[in-house]
Amino acid sequence: MLGASDLEALDGISLVTDVGGKIIAVGATNWNSFAIENGAPELLDRSVIGRNLFEFVSGVDVQTQIKDVMSQLSVGTQRAWVMPFRCDAPACRRNMRQSMTPIFSAAICEGFLLQSIELDSSHRPPIDLFDFREVEKRAAESTNLPTVLMCSWCQRVKCEHITGDDWTEAEDYYAAGGRSRVRISHGICEGCAEIAMRSYKS
């Protein structure tokens, strides 16, 4: 099984889980830098090792999809799963690529290597919808806020009374009259669900 020293040599943000999703090791240097840059010191390496990956994955649909990917990879017919995704901050748009690779020993899957690499980023005027701590705080203070569904992969949003059935960029959501006092529920848009199905590497 790969250890922390192996992960330090990899680009991007990397971690290893066992077959059940428990985090065994992370590439601490890049992991901690990313956590600090994004205002999440509570997610430094020492705070996540030993916890389950799915504690950090929001949305039942997203958890189910990742568990399905792990199940597919664990049988050894696929070499890896590679998925483009966005990891935005309020004032930054980030395009990234995530890969999941099974780790085998004697033909038995022992775990998974997950690696996220930033492809490009750009600054923009801050978008409150991506200040997840503040959104959660407001949602805790009020029980009757509308719900915005956000795709965990592309970070487009859908809100029935603002966008109808359309998934839109956050900027377009605001332009159509959307607001930041909402609850966010994470899901997967149809486009990303289709991409995910095609993202296996044999």
C-alpha atoms as a PDB file:
ATOM      1  CA  MET A   1       0.000   0.000   0.000  1.00  0.00           C
ATOM      2  CA  LEU A   2       1.221   3.503  -0.795  1.00  0.00           C
ATOM      3  CA  GLY A   3       2.284   5.595   2.199  1.00  0.00           C
ATOM      4  CA  ALA A   4       2.639   9.288   2.966  1.00  0.00           C
ATOM      5  CA  SER A   5       6.203   9.476   1.603  1.00  0.00           C
ATOM      6  CA  ASP A   6       5.032   8.030  -1.742  1.00  0.00           C
ATOM      7  CA  LEU A   7       2.244  10.600  -1.952  1.00  0.00           C
ATOM      8  CA  GLU A   8       4.646  13.478  -1.290  1.00  0.00           C
ATOM      9  CA  ALA A   9       6.237  12.755  -4.694  1.00  0.00           C
ATOM     10  CA  LEU A  10       2.942  13.153  -6.574  1.00  0.00           C
ATOM     11  CA  ASP A  11       1.604  16.334  -8.137  1.00  0.00           C
ATOM     12  CA  GLY A  12      -1.579  17.871  -6.811  1.00  0.00           C
ATOM     13  CA  ILE A  13      -3.610  16.715  -3.852  1.00  0.00           C
ATOM     14  CA  SER A  14      -3.408  12.992  -3.173  1.00  0.00           C
ATOM     15  CA  LEU A  15      -4.729  10.496  -0.677  1.00  0.00           C
ATOM     16  CA  VAL A  16      -4.994   6.746  -0.210  1.00  0.00           C
ATOM     17  CA  THR A  17      -8.019   4.957   1.238  1.00  0.00           C
ATOM     18  CA  ASP A  18      -8.695   1.368   2.115  1.00  0.00           C
ATOM     19  CA  VAL A  19     -11.455  -0.467   0.209  1.00  0.00           C
ATOM     20  CA  GLY A  20     -14.098   0.944   2.553  1.00  0.00           C
ATOM     21  CA  GLY A  21     -12.999   4.546   2.049  1.00  0.00           C
ATOM     22  CA  LYS A  22     -11.035   5.077   5.273  1.00  0.00           C
ATOM     23  CA  ILE A  23      -8.240   7.594   4.635  1.00  0.00           C
ATOM     24  CA  ILE A  24      -4.895   5.940   5.313  1.00  0.00           C
ATOM     25  CA  ALA A  25      -2.432   8.551   4.053  1.00  0.00           C
ATOM     26  CA  VAL A  26      -2.293  11.935   2.326  1.00  0.00           C
ATOM     27  CA  GLY A  27       0.424  13.887   0.549  1.00  0.00           C
ATOM     28  CA  ALA A  28       0.712  16.287   3.458  1.00  0.00           C
ATOM     29  CA  THR A  29       2.629  19.167   1.841  1.00  0.00           C
ATOM     30  CA  ASN A  30       0.169  19.828  -0.987  1.00  0.00           C
ATOM     31  CA  TRP A  31      -2.837  18.748   1.059  1.00  0.00           C
ATOM     32  CA  ASN A  32      -2.086  21.170   3.904  1.00  0.00           C
ATOM     33  CA  SER A  33      -1.231  24.030   1.540  1.00  0.00           C
ATOM     34  CA  PHE A  34      -4.591  23.626  -0.209  1.00  0.00           C
ATOM     35  CA  ALA A  35      -6.476  23.457   3.105  1.00  0.00           C
ATOM     36  CA  ILE A  36      -4.818  26.639   4.400  1.00  0.00           C
ATOM     37  CA  GLU A  37      -5.250  28.532   1.116  1.00  0.00           C
ATOM     38  CA  ASN A  38      -8.962  27.736   1.229  1.00  0.00           C
ATOM     39  CA  GLY A  39      -9.490  28.701   4.858  1.00  0.00           C
ATOM     40  CA  ALA A  40      -9.949  25.158   6.155  1.00  0.00           C
ATOM     41  CA  PRO A  41      -7.262  24.567   8.807  1.00  0.00           C
ATOM     42  CA  GLU A  42      -9.550  21.983  10.403  1.00  0.00           C
ATOM     43  CA  LEU A  43      -8.851  19.755   7.378  1.00  0.00           C
ATOM     44  CA  LEU A  44      -5.079  19.501   7.804  1.00  0.00           C
ATOM     45  CA  ASP A  45      -3.639  16.016   7.289  1.00  0.00           C
ATOM     46  CA  ARG A  46      -3.605  15.026  10.949  1.00  0.00           C
ATOM     47  CA  SER A  47      -7.351  15.787  11.164  1.00  0.00           C
ATOM     48  CA  VAL A  48      -8.441  13.621   8.238  1.00  0.00           C
ATOM     49  CA  ILE A  49      -6.265  10.514   8.465  1.00  0.00           C
ATOM     50  CA  GLY A  50      -8.313   7.680   9.940  1.00  0.00           C
ATOM     51  CA  ARG A  51     -11.619   9.242   8.937  1.00  0.00           C
ATOM     52  CA  ASN A  52     -13.793   8.024   6.091  1.00  0.00           C
ATOM     53  CA  LEU A  53     -13.663   9.746   2.719  1.00  0.00           C
ATOM     54  CA  PHE A  54     -17.450   9.901   2.653  1.00  0.00           C
ATOM     55  CA  GLU A  55     -17.515  12.228   5.661  1.00  0.00           C
ATOM     56  CA  PHE A  56     -16.238  14.847   3.214  1.00  0.00           C
ATOM     57  CA  VAL A  57     -18.499  14.034   0.250  1.00  0.00           C
ATOM     58  CA  SER A  58     -21.787  15.944   0.278  1.00  0.00           C
ATOM     59  CA  GLY A  59     -24.910  14.552  -1.336  1.00  0.00           C
ATOM     60  CA  VAL A  60     -26.303  11.022  -1.438  1.00  0.00           C
ATOM     61  CA  ASP A  61     -26.117  10.903  -5.261  1.00  0.00           C
ATOM     62  CA  VAL A  62     -22.443  11.854  -5.212  1.00  0.00           C
ATOM     63  CA  GLN A  63     -21.584   9.328  -2.498  1.00  0.00           C
ATOM     64  CA  THR A  64     -23.436   6.620  -4.422  1.00  0.00           C
ATOM     65  CA  GLN A  65     -21.593   7.471  -7.625  1.00  0.00           C
ATOM     66  CA  ILE A  66     -18.169   7.320  -5.970  1.00  0.00           C
ATOM     67  CA  LYS A  67     -19.028   4.025  -4.241  1.00  0.00           C
ATOM     68  CA  ASP A  68     -20.097   2.622  -7.621  1.00  0.00           C
ATOM     69  CA  VAL A  69     -16.774   3.746  -9.129  1.00  0.00           C
ATOM     70  CA  MET A  70     -14.866   2.036  -6.304  1.00  0.00           C
ATOM     71  CA  SER A  71     -16.875  -1.127  -6.844  1.00  0.00           C
ATOM     72  CA  GLN A  72     -16.117  -1.123 -10.582  1.00  0.00           C
ATOM     73  CA  LEU A  73     -12.416  -0.481 -10.065  1.00  0.00           C
ATOM     74  CA  SER A  74     -12.060  -3.116  -7.360  1.00  0.00           C
ATOM     75  CA  VAL A  75     -12.847  -5.974  -9.756  1.00  0.00           C
ATOM     76  CA  GLY A  76      -9.786  -5.137 -11.837  1.00  0.00           C
ATOM     77  CA  THR A  77     -11.363  -4.631 -15.264  1.00  0.00           C
ATOM     78  CA  GLN A  78     -10.624  -0.889 -15.265  1.00  0.00           C
ATOM     79  CA  ARG A  79      -7.231   0.713 -14.705  1.00  0.00           C
ATOM     80  CA  ALA A  80      -8.515   4.066 -13.439  1.00  0.00           C
ATOM     81  CA  TRP A  81     -11.377   6.543 -13.393  1.00  0.00           C
ATOM     82  CA  VAL A  82     -10.633  10.154 -14.383  1.00  0.00           C
ATOM     83  CA  MET A  83     -13.173  12.952 -13.954  1.00  0.00           C
ATOM     84  CA  PRO A  84     -12.963  16.695 -14.661  1.00  0.00           C
ATOM     85  CA  PHE A  85     -14.404  18.866 -11.916  1.00  0.00           C
ATOM     86  CA  ARG A  86     -14.546  22.369 -10.522  1.00  0.00           C
ATOM     87  CA  CYS A  87     -13.379  23.340  -7.050  1.00  0.00           C
ATOM     88  CA  ASP A  88     -14.358  26.994  -6.782  1.00  0.00           C
ATOM     89  CA  ALA A  89     -13.741  29.449  -3.984  1.00  0.00           C
ATOM     90  CA  PRO A  90     -15.739  32.682  -3.710  1.00  0.00           C
ATOM     91  CA  ALA A  91     -13.161  34.720  -5.673  1.00  0.00           C
ATOM     92  CA  CYS A  92     -11.566  31.916  -7.692  1.00  0.00           C
ATOM     93  CA  ARG A  93     -12.743  29.543 -10.398  1.00  0.00           C
ATOM     94  CA  ARG A  94     -10.677  26.318 -10.527  1.00  0.00           C
ATOM     95  CA  ASN A  95     -10.783  23.597 -13.153  1.00  0.00           C
ATOM     96  CA  MET A  96      -9.358  20.347 -11.864  1.00  0.00           C
ATOM     97  CA  ARG A  97      -9.009  16.689 -12.741  1.00  0.00           C
ATOM     98  CA  GLN A  98      -9.573  13.873 -10.282  1.00  0.00           C
ATOM     99  CA  SER A  99      -8.362  10.343 -10.795  1.00  0.00           C
ATOM    100  CA  MET A 100      -9.091   7.230  -8.794  1.00  0.00           C
ATOM    101  CA  THR A 101      -6.814   4.222  -9.238  1.00  0.00           C
ATOM    102  CA  PRO A 102      -7.270   0.849  -7.523  1.00  0.00           C
ATOM    103  CA  ILE A 103      -4.357  -0.570  -5.507  1.00  0.00           C
ATOM    104  CA  PHE A 104      -3.998  -4.336  -5.829  1.00  0.00           C
ATOM    105  CA  SER A 105      -1.975  -6.912  -3.944  1.00  0.00           C
ATOM    106  CA  ALA A 106      -2.060 -10.521  -5.152  1.00  0.00           C
ATOM    107  CA  ALA A 107      -5.118  -9.762  -7.328  1.00  0.00           C
ATOM    108  CA  ILE A 108      -7.045  -8.365  -4.343  1.00  0.00           C
ATOM    109  CA  CYS A 109      -8.014  -4.699  -4.244  1.00  0.00           C
ATOM    110  CA  GLU A 110      -6.679  -3.219  -1.002  1.00  0.00           C
ATOM    111  CA  GLY A 111      -7.628   0.392  -1.550  1.00  0.00           C
ATOM    112  CA  PHE A 112      -7.588   3.393  -3.845  1.00  0.00           C
ATOM    113  CA  LEU A 113      -5.298   6.254  -4.776  1.00  0.00           C
ATOM    114  CA  LEU A 114      -7.169   9.518  -5.362  1.00  0.00           C
ATOM    115  CA  GLN A 115      -5.341  12.424  -6.950  1.00  0.00           C
ATOM    116  CA  SER A 116      -6.697  15.884  -7.800  1.00  0.00           C
ATOM    117  CA  ILE A 117      -4.679  18.168 -10.051  1.00  0.00           C
ATOM    118  CA  GLU A 118      -5.439  21.818 -10.787  1.00  0.00           C
ATOM    119  CA  LEU A 119      -5.561  22.425 -14.529  1.00  0.00           C
ATOM    120  CA  ASP A 120      -6.160  26.173 -14.464  1.00  0.00           C
ATOM    121  CA  SER A 121      -7.676  28.882 -12.311  1.00  0.00           C
ATOM    122  CA  SER A 122      -8.875  32.454 -12.675  1.00  0.00           C
ATOM    123  CA  HIS A 123      -9.873  35.198 -10.268  1.00  0.00           C
ATOM    124  CA  ARG A 124     -13.296  36.811 -10.370  1.00  0.00           C
ATOM    125  CA  PRO A 125     -15.488  39.067  -8.222  1.00  0.00           C
ATOM    126  CA  PRO A 126     -16.469  37.057  -5.124  1.00  0.00           C
ATOM    127  CA  ILE A 127     -19.562  34.846  -5.393  1.00  0.00           C
ATOM    128  CA  ASP A 128     -21.213  34.299  -2.014  1.00  0.00           C
ATOM    129  CA  LEU A 129     -22.741  30.986  -3.059  1.00  0.00           C
ATOM    130  CA  PHE A 130     -19.260  29.421  -2.888  1.00  0.00           C
ATOM    131  CA  ASP A 131     -18.645  30.652   0.643  1.00  0.00           C
ATOM    132  CA  PHE A 132     -19.967  27.351   1.968  1.00  0.00           C
ATOM    133  CA  ARG A 133     -19.309  28.119   5.628  1.00  0.00           C
ATOM    134  CA  GLU A 134     -21.347  31.316   5.427  1.00  0.00           C
ATOM    135  CA  VAL A 135     -24.146  29.576   3.489  1.00  0.00           C
ATOM    136  CA  GLU A 136     -24.289  26.825   6.137  1.00  0.00           C
ATOM    137  CA  LYS A 137     -24.325  29.407   8.921  1.00  0.00           C
ATOM    138  CA  ARG A 138     -27.266  31.270   7.361  1.00  0.00           C
ATOM    139  CA  ALA A 139     -29.110  27.985   6.762  1.00  0.00           C
ATOM    140  CA  ALA A 140     -28.676  27.055  10.442  1.00  0.00           C
ATOM    141  CA  GLU A 141     -30.176  30.392  11.468  1.00  0.00           C
ATOM    142  CA  SER A 142     -33.308  30.017   9.330  1.00  0.00           C
ATOM    143  CA  THR A 143     -35.345  26.893   8.586  1.00  0.00           C
ATOM    144  CA  ASN A 144     -37.373  28.245   5.662  1.00  0.00           C
ATOM    145  CA  LEU A 145     -34.701  29.124   3.116  1.00  0.00           C
ATOM    146  CA  PRO A 146     -35.080  27.951  -0.493  1.00  0.00           C
ATOM    147  CA  THR A 147     -32.844  25.113  -1.654  1.00  0.00           C
ATOM    148  CA  VAL A 148     -30.323  25.420  -4.457  1.00  0.00           C
ATOM    149  CA  LEU A 149     -29.065  22.172  -5.978  1.00  0.00           C
ATOM    150  CA  MET A 150     -25.357  22.357  -6.882  1.00  0.00           C
ATOM    151  CA  CYS A 151     -23.590  19.832  -9.079  1.00  0.00           C
ATOM    152  CA  SER A 152     -20.625  18.511  -7.131  1.00  0.00           C
ATOM    153  CA  TRP A 153     -18.585  18.143 -10.318  1.00  0.00           C
ATOM    154  CA  CYS A 154     -19.211  21.252 -12.469  1.00  0.00           C
ATOM    155  CA  GLN A 155     -20.626  23.483  -9.691  1.00  0.00           C
ATOM    156  CA  ARG A 156     -23.469  24.712 -11.846  1.00  0.00           C
ATOM    157  CA  VAL A 157     -26.681  25.270  -9.912  1.00  0.00           C
ATOM    158  CA  LYS A 158     -30.388  24.665 -10.286  1.00  0.00           C
ATOM    159  CA  CYS A 159     -33.177  26.336  -8.330  1.00  0.00           C
ATOM    160  CA  GLU A 160     -36.734  25.602  -9.443  1.00  0.00           C
ATOM    161  CA  HIS A 161     -38.194  29.089  -9.022  1.00  0.00           C
ATOM    162  CA  ILE A 162     -35.117  30.823 -10.531  1.00  0.00           C
ATOM    163  CA  THR A 163     -33.672  28.523 -13.208  1.00  0.00           C
ATOM    164  CA  GLY A 164     -36.480  25.977 -13.666  1.00  0.00           C
ATOM    165  CA  ASP A 165     -34.988  22.668 -14.773  1.00  0.00           C
ATOM    166  CA  ASP A 166     -31.848  24.284 -16.179  1.00  0.00           C
ATOM    167  CA  TRP A 167     -28.398  23.959 -14.622  1.00  0.00           C
ATOM    168  CA  THR A 168     -26.656  27.354 -14.822  1.00  0.00           C
ATOM    169  CA  GLU A 169     -23.439  29.001 -13.752  1.00  0.00           C
ATOM    170  CA  ALA A 170     -23.693  30.809 -10.410  1.00  0.00           C
ATOM    171  CA  GLU A 171     -23.281  34.164 -12.184  1.00  0.00           C
ATOM    172  CA  ASP A 172     -26.352  33.434 -14.329  1.00  0.00           C
ATOM    173  CA  TYR A 173     -28.292  32.309 -11.274  1.00  0.00           C
ATOM    174  CA  TYR A 174     -27.652  35.691  -9.635  1.00  0.00           C
ATOM    175  CA  ALA A 175     -28.462  37.540 -12.872  1.00  0.00           C
ATOM    176  CA  ALA A 176     -31.848  35.767 -12.940  1.00  0.00           C
ATOM    177  CA  GLY A 177     -32.645  36.998  -9.427  1.00  0.00           C
ATOM    178  CA  GLY A 178     -31.047  34.290  -7.302  1.00  0.00           C
ATOM    179  CA  ARG A 179     -29.697  35.089  -3.871  1.00  0.00           C
ATOM    180  CA  SER A 180     -27.213  33.786  -1.333  1.00  0.00           C
ATOM    181  CA  ARG A 181     -29.619  33.166   1.549  1.00  0.00           C
ATOM    182  CA  VAL A 182     -30.295  29.553   0.579  1.00  0.00           C
ATOM    183  CA  ARG A 183     -29.615  25.985   1.539  1.00  0.00           C
ATOM    184  CA  ILE A 184     -27.265  24.101  -0.775  1.00  0.00           C
ATOM    185  CA  SER A 185     -27.910  20.477  -1.614  1.00  0.00           C
ATOM    186  CA  HIS A 186     -25.252  18.676  -3.646  1.00  0.00           C
ATOM    187  CA  GLY A 187     -26.113  16.428  -6.554  1.00  0.00           C
ATOM    188  CA  ILE A 188     -24.961  15.571 -10.067  1.00  0.00           C
ATOM    189  CA  CYS A 189     -26.202  17.252 -13.240  1.00  0.00           C
ATOM    190  CA  GLU A 190     -27.124  15.126 -16.247  1.00  0.00           C
ATOM    191  CA  GLY A 191     -24.059  16.247 -18.209  1.00  0.00           C
ATOM    192  CA  CYS A 192     -21.614  15.274 -15.468  1.00  0.00           C
ATOM    193  CA  ALA A 193     -23.429  11.975 -14.874  1.00  0.00           C
ATOM    194  CA  GLU A 194     -22.880  11.148 -18.541  1.00  0.00           C
ATOM    195  CA  ILE A 195     -19.204  12.185 -18.415  1.00  0.00           C
ATOM    196  CA  ALA A 196     -18.704  10.053 -15.298  1.00  0.00           C
ATOM    197  CA  MET A 197     -19.999   6.964 -17.080  1.00  0.00           C
ATOM    198  CA  ARG A 198     -17.436   7.462 -19.878  1.00  0.00           C
ATOM    199  CA  SER A 199     -14.511   8.241 -17.574  1.00  0.00           C
ATOM    200  CA  TYR A 200     -13.111   4.751 -17.015  1.00  0.00           C
ATOM    201  CA  LYS A 201      -9.672   3.917 -18.392  1.00  0.00           C
ATOM    202  CA  SER A 202      -9.041   0.275 -19.333  1.00  0.00           C
END
